[in-house]
PDB file of N, CA and C in Angstrom:
ATOM      1  N   MET A   1      11.813   4.615  12.787  1.00  0.00           N
ATOM      2  CA  MET A   1      11.769   3.114  13.654  1.00  0.00           C
ATOM      3  C   MET A   1      12.351   1.979  13.264  1.00  0.00           C
ATOM      4  N   ILE A   2      12.883   2.266  12.136  1.00  0.00           N
ATOM      5  CA  ILE A   2      13.762   0.768  11.514  1.00  0.00           C
ATOM      6  C   ILE A   2      15.132   1.223  12.308  1.00  0.00           C
ATOM      7  N   ASP A   3      15.639   2.170  12.909  1.00  0.00           N
ATOM      8  CA  ASP A   3      16.641   2.960  13.100  1.00  0.00           C
ATOM      9  C   ASP A   3      16.881   2.622  14.527  1.00  0.00           C
ATOM     10  N   GLY A   4      15.593   2.453  15.216  1.00  0.00           N
ATOM     11  CA  GLY A   4      15.490   1.855  16.966  1.00  0.00           C
ATOM     12  C   GLY A   4      16.011   0.366  16.524  1.00  0.00           C
ATOM     13  N   LEU A   5      14.840  -0.399  15.833  1.00  0.00           N
ATOM     14  CA  LEU A   5      14.969  -1.667  15.496  1.00  0.00           C
ATOM     15  C   LEU A   5      16.704  -1.695  15.953  1.00  0.00           C
ATOM     16  N   LYS A   6      17.098  -1.032  14.603  1.00  0.00           N
ATOM     17  CA  LYS A   6      18.688  -1.341  14.734  1.00  0.00           C
ATOM     18  C   LYS A   6      19.426  -1.476  15.818  1.00  0.00           C
ATOM     19  N   LYS A   7      18.949  -0.637  16.542  1.00  0.00           N
ATOM     20  CA  LYS A   7      19.840  -0.311  17.902  1.00  0.00           C
ATOM     21  C   LYS A   7      19.427  -1.717  18.630  1.00  0.00           C
ATOM     22  N   GLN A   8      18.248  -2.310  18.208  1.00  0.00           N
ATOM     23  CA  GLN A   8      18.164  -3.001  19.862  1.00  0.00           C
ATOM     24  C   GLN A   8      18.560  -4.625  19.469  1.00  0.00           C
ATOM     25  N   THR A   9      18.932  -4.908  17.740  1.00  0.00           N
ATOM     26  CA  THR A   9      19.556  -5.976  17.548  1.00  0.00           C
ATOM     27  C   THR A   9      20.502  -5.849  16.502  1.00  0.00           C
ATOM     28  N   GLN A  10      21.316  -7.193  16.526  1.00  0.00           N
ATOM     29  CA  GLN A  10      22.600  -6.897  15.358  1.00  0.00           C
ATOM     30  C   GLN A  10      22.419  -7.735  14.321  1.00  0.00           C
ATOM     31  N   ASP A  11      21.382  -8.651  14.748  1.00  0.00           N
ATOM     32  CA  ASP A  11      21.028 -10.005  13.397  1.00  0.00           C
ATOM     33  C   ASP A  11      20.721  -9.027  12.616  1.00  0.00           C
ATOM     34  N   ALA A  12      21.650  -8.790  11.830  1.00  0.00           N
ATOM     35  CA  ALA A  12      21.835  -8.505  10.087  1.00  0.00           C
ATOM     36  C   ALA A  12      20.706  -9.422   9.040  1.00  0.00           C
ATOM     37  N   GLY A  13      20.492 -10.439   9.301  1.00  0.00           N
ATOM     38  CA  GLY A  13      18.803 -11.039   8.715  1.00  0.00           C
ATOM     39  C   GLY A  13      17.698 -10.138   8.566  1.00  0.00           C
ATOM     40  N   LEU A  14      17.457 -10.547  10.471  1.00  0.00           N
ATOM     41  CA  LEU A  14      15.919  -9.864  10.958  1.00  0.00           C
ATOM     42  C   LEU A  14      16.181  -8.436  10.421  1.00  0.00           C
ATOM     43  N   ILE A  15      16.822  -7.500  10.259  1.00  0.00           N
ATOM     44  CA  ILE A  15      16.921  -5.659  10.345  1.00  0.00           C
ATOM     45  C   ILE A  15      16.537  -6.132   8.932  1.00  0.00           C
ATOM     46  N   ALA A  16      17.087  -6.553   8.227  1.00  0.00           N
ATOM     47  CA  ALA A  16      17.091  -6.739   6.228  1.00  0.00           C
ATOM     48  C   ALA A  16      15.431  -7.400   6.358  1.00  0.00           C
ATOM     49  N   ALA A  17      14.649  -7.931   7.171  1.00  0.00           N
ATOM     50  CA  ALA A  17      13.721  -8.528   6.737  1.00  0.00           C
ATOM     51  C   ALA A  17      12.864  -7.745   6.959  1.00  0.00           C
ATOM     52  N   ILE A  18      13.056  -6.900   8.203  1.00  0.00           N
ATOM     53  CA  ILE A  18      12.598  -5.835   8.530  1.00  0.00           C
ATOM     54  C   ILE A  18      12.505  -4.292   7.538  1.00  0.00           C
ATOM     55  N   THR A  19      13.218  -4.107   7.035  1.00  0.00           N
ATOM     56  CA  THR A  19      13.518  -3.044   6.809  1.00  0.00           C
ATOM     57  C   THR A  19      12.770  -3.441   4.925  1.00  0.00           C
ATOM     58  N   ALA A  20      12.741  -5.155   4.405  1.00  0.00           N
ATOM     59  CA  ALA A  20      11.872  -5.473   3.332  1.00  0.00           C
ATOM     60  C   ALA A  20      10.199  -4.791   3.602  1.00  0.00           C
ATOM     61  N   LEU A  21       9.919  -5.556   4.628  1.00  0.00           N
ATOM     62  CA  LEU A  21       9.137  -5.532   4.880  1.00  0.00           C
ATOM     63  C   LEU A  21       8.136  -4.057   5.241  1.00  0.00           C
ATOM     64  N   MET A  22       9.102  -3.048   5.812  1.00  0.00           N
ATOM     65  CA  MET A  22       8.175  -1.825   6.298  1.00  0.00           C
ATOM     66  C   MET A  22       8.506  -0.707   4.807  1.00  0.00           C
ATOM     67  N   GLY A  23       9.576  -1.300   4.093  1.00  0.00           N
ATOM     68  CA  GLY A  23       9.905   0.066   2.633  1.00  0.00           C
ATOM     69  C   GLY A  23       8.732  -0.406   1.971  1.00  0.00           C
ATOM     70  N   VAL A  24       9.107   0.771   0.942  1.00  0.00           N
ATOM     71  CA  VAL A  24       8.154   0.520  -0.291  1.00  0.00           C
ATOM     72  C   VAL A  24       9.126   0.187  -1.599  1.00  0.00           C
ATOM     73  N   GLN A  25       8.339  -0.689  -2.384  1.00  0.00           N
ATOM     74  CA  GLN A  25       9.389  -0.678  -3.334  1.00  0.00           C
ATOM     75  C   GLN A  25       8.599  -0.850  -4.858  1.00  0.00           C
ATOM     76  N   LYS A  26       9.200  -0.162  -5.169  1.00  0.00           N
ATOM     77  CA  LYS A  26       8.576   0.452  -7.121  1.00  0.00           C
ATOM     78  C   LYS A  26       7.627  -0.640  -7.845  1.00  0.00           C
ATOM     79  N   GLU A  27       8.484  -1.794  -8.110  1.00  0.00           N
ATOM     80  CA  GLU A  27       8.002  -2.848  -8.877  1.00  0.00           C
ATOM     81  C   GLU A  27       6.807  -3.926  -7.726  1.00  0.00           C
ATOM     82  N   PHE A  28       6.841  -3.753  -6.469  1.00  0.00           N
ATOM     83  CA  PHE A  28       5.528  -4.210  -5.998  1.00  0.00           C
ATOM     84  C   PHE A  28       4.455  -3.113  -5.865  1.00  0.00           C
ATOM     85  N   LEU A  29       4.875  -2.180  -5.523  1.00  0.00           N
ATOM     86  CA  LEU A  29       3.603  -1.444  -6.049  1.00  0.00           C
ATOM     87  C   LEU A  29       3.058  -1.192  -7.427  1.00  0.00           C
ATOM     88  N   GLN A  30       3.896  -1.267  -8.336  1.00  0.00           N
ATOM     89  CA  GLN A  30       3.313  -1.342  -9.971  1.00  0.00           C
ATOM     90  C   GLN A  30       2.202  -2.643 -10.241  1.00  0.00           C
ATOM     91  N   ALA A  31       2.853  -3.883  -9.496  1.00  0.00           N
ATOM     92  CA  ALA A  31       2.606  -5.140  -9.316  1.00  0.00           C
ATOM     93  C   ALA A  31       1.146  -5.579  -9.141  1.00  0.00           C
ATOM     94  N   GLY A  32       0.930  -5.050  -7.705  1.00  0.00           N
ATOM     95  CA  GLY A  32      -0.130  -4.175  -7.125  1.00  0.00           C
ATOM     96  C   GLY A  32      -1.473  -3.755  -8.122  1.00  0.00           C
ATOM     97  N   LEU A  33      -0.777  -2.436  -9.138  1.00  0.00           N
ATOM     98  CA  LEU A  33      -1.446  -1.518  -9.531  1.00  0.00           C
ATOM     99  C   LEU A  33      -2.310  -2.210 -10.829  1.00  0.00           C
ATOM    100  N   ASP A  34      -1.019  -3.459 -11.294  1.00  0.00           N
ATOM    101  CA  ASP A  34      -1.398  -4.157 -12.945  1.00  0.00           C
ATOM    102  C   ASP A  34      -2.388  -5.414 -12.540  1.00  0.00           C
ATOM    103  N   GLU A  35      -2.226  -5.601 -11.196  1.00  0.00           N
ATOM    104  CA  GLU A  35      -3.356  -6.653 -10.899  1.00  0.00           C
ATOM    105  C   GLU A  35      -4.416  -6.176 -10.635  1.00  0.00           C
ATOM    106  N   MET A  36      -4.824  -5.304  -9.961  1.00  0.00           N
ATOM    107  CA  MET A  36      -6.180  -4.272 -10.134  1.00  0.00           C
ATOM    108  C   MET A  36      -6.516  -4.292 -10.978  1.00  0.00           C
ATOM    109  N   LYS A  37      -6.006  -3.531 -12.206  1.00  0.00           N
ATOM    110  CA  LYS A  37      -6.634  -3.416 -13.463  1.00  0.00           C
ATOM    111  C   LYS A  37      -6.581  -4.318 -14.639  1.00  0.00           C
ATOM    112  N   ALA A  38      -6.004  -5.253 -14.402  1.00  0.00           N
ATOM    113  CA  ALA A  38      -6.228  -6.902 -14.539  1.00  0.00           C
ATOM    114  C   ALA A  38      -7.440  -7.366 -13.994  1.00  0.00           C
ATOM    115  N   LYS A  39      -7.844  -7.357 -12.624  1.00  0.00           N
ATOM    116  CA  LYS A  39      -9.034  -8.135 -12.813  1.00  0.00           C
ATOM    117  C   LYS A  39     -10.161  -7.039 -12.490  1.00  0.00           C
ATOM    118  N   TYR A  40     -10.200  -5.823 -12.541  1.00  0.00           N
ATOM    119  CA  TYR A  40     -11.548  -5.507 -12.597  1.00  0.00           C
ATOM    120  C   TYR A  40     -11.362  -3.687 -13.463  1.00  0.00           C
ATOM    121  N   GLY A  41     -10.480  -4.223 -14.578  1.00  0.00           N
ATOM    122  CA  GLY A  41     -10.701  -2.710 -15.379  1.00  0.00           C
ATOM    123  C   GLY A  41      -9.908  -1.649 -15.551  1.00  0.00           C
ATOM    124  N   SER A  42      -9.754  -1.062 -14.079  1.00  0.00           N
ATOM    125  CA  SER A  42      -9.896  -0.171 -13.683  1.00  0.00           C
ATOM    126  C   SER A  42      -9.176  -0.034 -12.404  1.00  0.00           C
ATOM    127  N   ILE A  43      -8.483   1.215 -11.847  1.00  0.00           N
ATOM    128  CA  ILE A  43      -8.355   1.335 -10.192  1.00  0.00           C
ATOM    129  C   ILE A  43      -9.922   1.721  -9.634  1.00  0.00           C
ATOM    130  N   ASP A  44     -10.086   3.141 -10.550  1.00  0.00           N
ATOM    131  CA  ASP A  44     -11.637   3.129  -9.953  1.00  0.00           C
ATOM    132  C   ASP A  44     -12.883   1.509  -9.794  1.00  0.00           C
ATOM    133  N   ALA A  45     -12.619   1.083 -10.445  1.00  0.00           N
ATOM    134  CA  ALA A  45     -13.735  -0.116 -10.641  1.00  0.00           C
ATOM    135  C   ALA A  45     -12.899  -0.712  -9.582  1.00  0.00           C
ATOM    136  N   PHE A  46     -11.921  -0.957  -8.958  1.00  0.00           N
ATOM    137  CA  PHE A  46     -11.769  -1.727  -8.070  1.00  0.00           C
ATOM    138  C   PHE A  46     -11.691  -1.389  -6.319  1.00  0.00           C
ATOM    139  N   ILE A  47     -11.864   0.165  -6.436  1.00  0.00           N
ATOM    140  CA  ILE A  47     -12.357   0.650  -5.325  1.00  0.00           C
ATOM    141  C   ILE A  47     -13.727   0.404  -4.748  1.00  0.00           C
ATOM    142  N   GLU A  48     -14.240   0.383  -6.342  1.00  0.00           N
ATOM    143  CA  GLU A  48     -15.844   0.213  -5.897  1.00  0.00           C
ATOM    144  C   GLU A  48     -16.254  -1.003  -5.935  1.00  0.00           C
ATOM    145  N   LYS A  49     -15.811  -1.851  -6.949  1.00  0.00           N
ATOM    146  CA  LYS A  49     -16.020  -3.175  -6.965  1.00  0.00           C
ATOM    147  C   LYS A  49     -15.327  -4.026  -5.672  1.00  0.00           C
ATOM    148  N   GLY A  50     -14.351  -4.379  -5.544  1.00  0.00           N
ATOM    149  CA  GLY A  50     -13.133  -5.290  -5.092  1.00  0.00           C
ATOM    150  C   GLY A  50     -13.083  -4.422  -3.688  1.00  0.00           C
ATOM    151  N   LEU A  51     -12.947  -3.388  -3.258  1.00  0.00           N
ATOM    152  CA  LEU A  51     -13.378  -2.361  -1.714  1.00  0.00           C
ATOM    153  C   LEU A  51     -14.727  -2.600  -1.552  1.00  0.00           C
ATOM    154  N   GLY A  52     -15.786  -2.152  -1.946  1.00  0.00           N
ATOM    155  CA  GLY A  52     -17.043  -2.062  -1.998  1.00  0.00           C
ATOM    156  C   GLY A  52     -17.123   0.239  -0.931  1.00  0.00           C
ATOM    157  N   VAL A  53     -16.401   0.232  -1.877  1.00  0.00           N
ATOM    158  CA  VAL A  53     -15.884   2.034  -1.330  1.00  0.00           C
ATOM    159  C   VAL A  53     -17.189   2.469  -2.227  1.00  0.00           C
ATOM    160  N   THR A  54     -18.229   3.137  -1.804  1.00  0.00           N
ATOM    161  CA  THR A  54     -19.935   3.382  -3.117  1.00  0.00           C
ATOM    162  C   THR A  54     -19.049   4.998  -3.509  1.00  0.00           C
ATOM    163  N   LYS A  55     -19.359   5.469  -4.497  1.00  0.00           N
ATOM    164  CA  LYS A  55     -19.008   6.932  -4.972  1.00  0.00           C
ATOM    165  C   LYS A  55     -19.087   7.749  -3.833  1.00  0.00           C
ATOM    166  N   GLU A  56     -20.055   7.765  -3.216  1.00  0.00           N
ATOM    167  CA  GLU A  56     -20.102   8.709  -2.003  1.00  0.00           C
ATOM    168  C   GLU A  56     -19.405   8.888  -0.844  1.00  0.00           C
ATOM    169  N   GLU A  57     -19.233   7.641  -0.785  1.00  0.00           N
ATOM    170  CA  GLU A  57     -18.048   7.203   0.676  1.00  0.00           C
ATOM    171  C   GLU A  57     -16.529   7.923   0.000  1.00  0.00           C
ATOM    172  N   ARG A  58     -16.429   7.652  -1.396  1.00  0.00           N
ATOM    173  CA  ARG A  58     -15.034   7.778  -2.144  1.00  0.00           C
ATOM    174  C   ARG A  58     -15.088   9.348  -1.990  1.00  0.00           C
ATOM    175  N   ALA A  59     -15.848   9.975  -2.038  1.00  0.00           N
ATOM    176  CA  ALA A  59     -16.324  11.511  -2.486  1.00  0.00           C
ATOM    177  C   ALA A  59     -16.222  12.144  -1.069  1.00  0.00           C
ATOM    178  N   ASN A  60     -16.589  11.683   0.124  1.00  0.00           N
ATOM    179  CA  ASN A  60     -16.706  12.191   1.556  1.00  0.00           C
ATOM    180  C   ASN A  60     -14.674  11.762   1.936  1.00  0.00           C
ATOM    181  N   LEU A  61     -14.115  10.377   1.838  1.00  0.00           N
ATOM    182  CA  LEU A  61     -12.823  10.436   2.286  1.00  0.00           C
ATOM    183  C   LEU A  61     -11.987  11.454   1.006  1.00  0.00           C
ATOM    184  N   LYS A  62     -12.278  11.970  -0.400  1.00  0.00           N
ATOM    185  CA  LYS A  62     -11.415  13.019  -0.797  1.00  0.00           C
ATOM    186  C   LYS A  62     -11.679  14.256  -0.093  1.00  0.00           C
ATOM    187  N   ALA A  63     -12.743  14.624   0.210  1.00  0.00           N
ATOM    188  CA  ALA A  63     -12.964  16.074   0.769  1.00  0.00           C
ATOM    189  C   ALA A  63     -12.103  15.467   2.306  1.00  0.00           C
ATOM    190  N   MET A  64     -12.196  14.731   3.157  1.00  0.00           N
ATOM    191  CA  MET A  64     -11.409  14.735   4.215  1.00  0.00           C
ATOM    192  C   MET A  64     -10.014  14.756   3.696  1.00  0.00           C
ATOM    193  N   TYR A  65      -9.162  14.258   2.713  1.00  0.00           N
ATOM    194  CA  TYR A  65      -7.676  14.100   2.625  1.00  0.00           C
ATOM    195  C   TYR A  65      -7.436  14.376   1.925  1.00  0.00           C
ATOM    196  N   LEU A  66      -7.808  15.660   1.115  1.00  0.00           N
ATOM    197  CA  LEU A  66      -7.143  16.253  -0.083  1.00  0.00           C
ATOM    198  C   LEU A  66      -7.249  17.515  -0.293  1.00  0.00           C
ATOM    199  N   GLU A  67      -6.666  18.344  -0.762  1.00  0.00           N
ATOM    200  CA  GLU A  67      -6.882  19.830  -0.364  1.00  0.00           C
ATOM    201  C   GLU A  67      -7.347  19.964  -1.938  1.00  0.00           C
TER     202      GLU A  67
END
């Protein structure tokens, strides 16, 4: 997708911004995980309390998406 956008524009700033928004950076992911743990105590607690996903719903999601 990013390659297609690069072909449509020559604006280096726009390309850099799109690449940053669509990319994944380890530091950003870690900051998110750290915040979830700081606020809720664990990722599991964040999923249940922060997102409102019940244990049953989570089990169903695991069954659908994990082998």
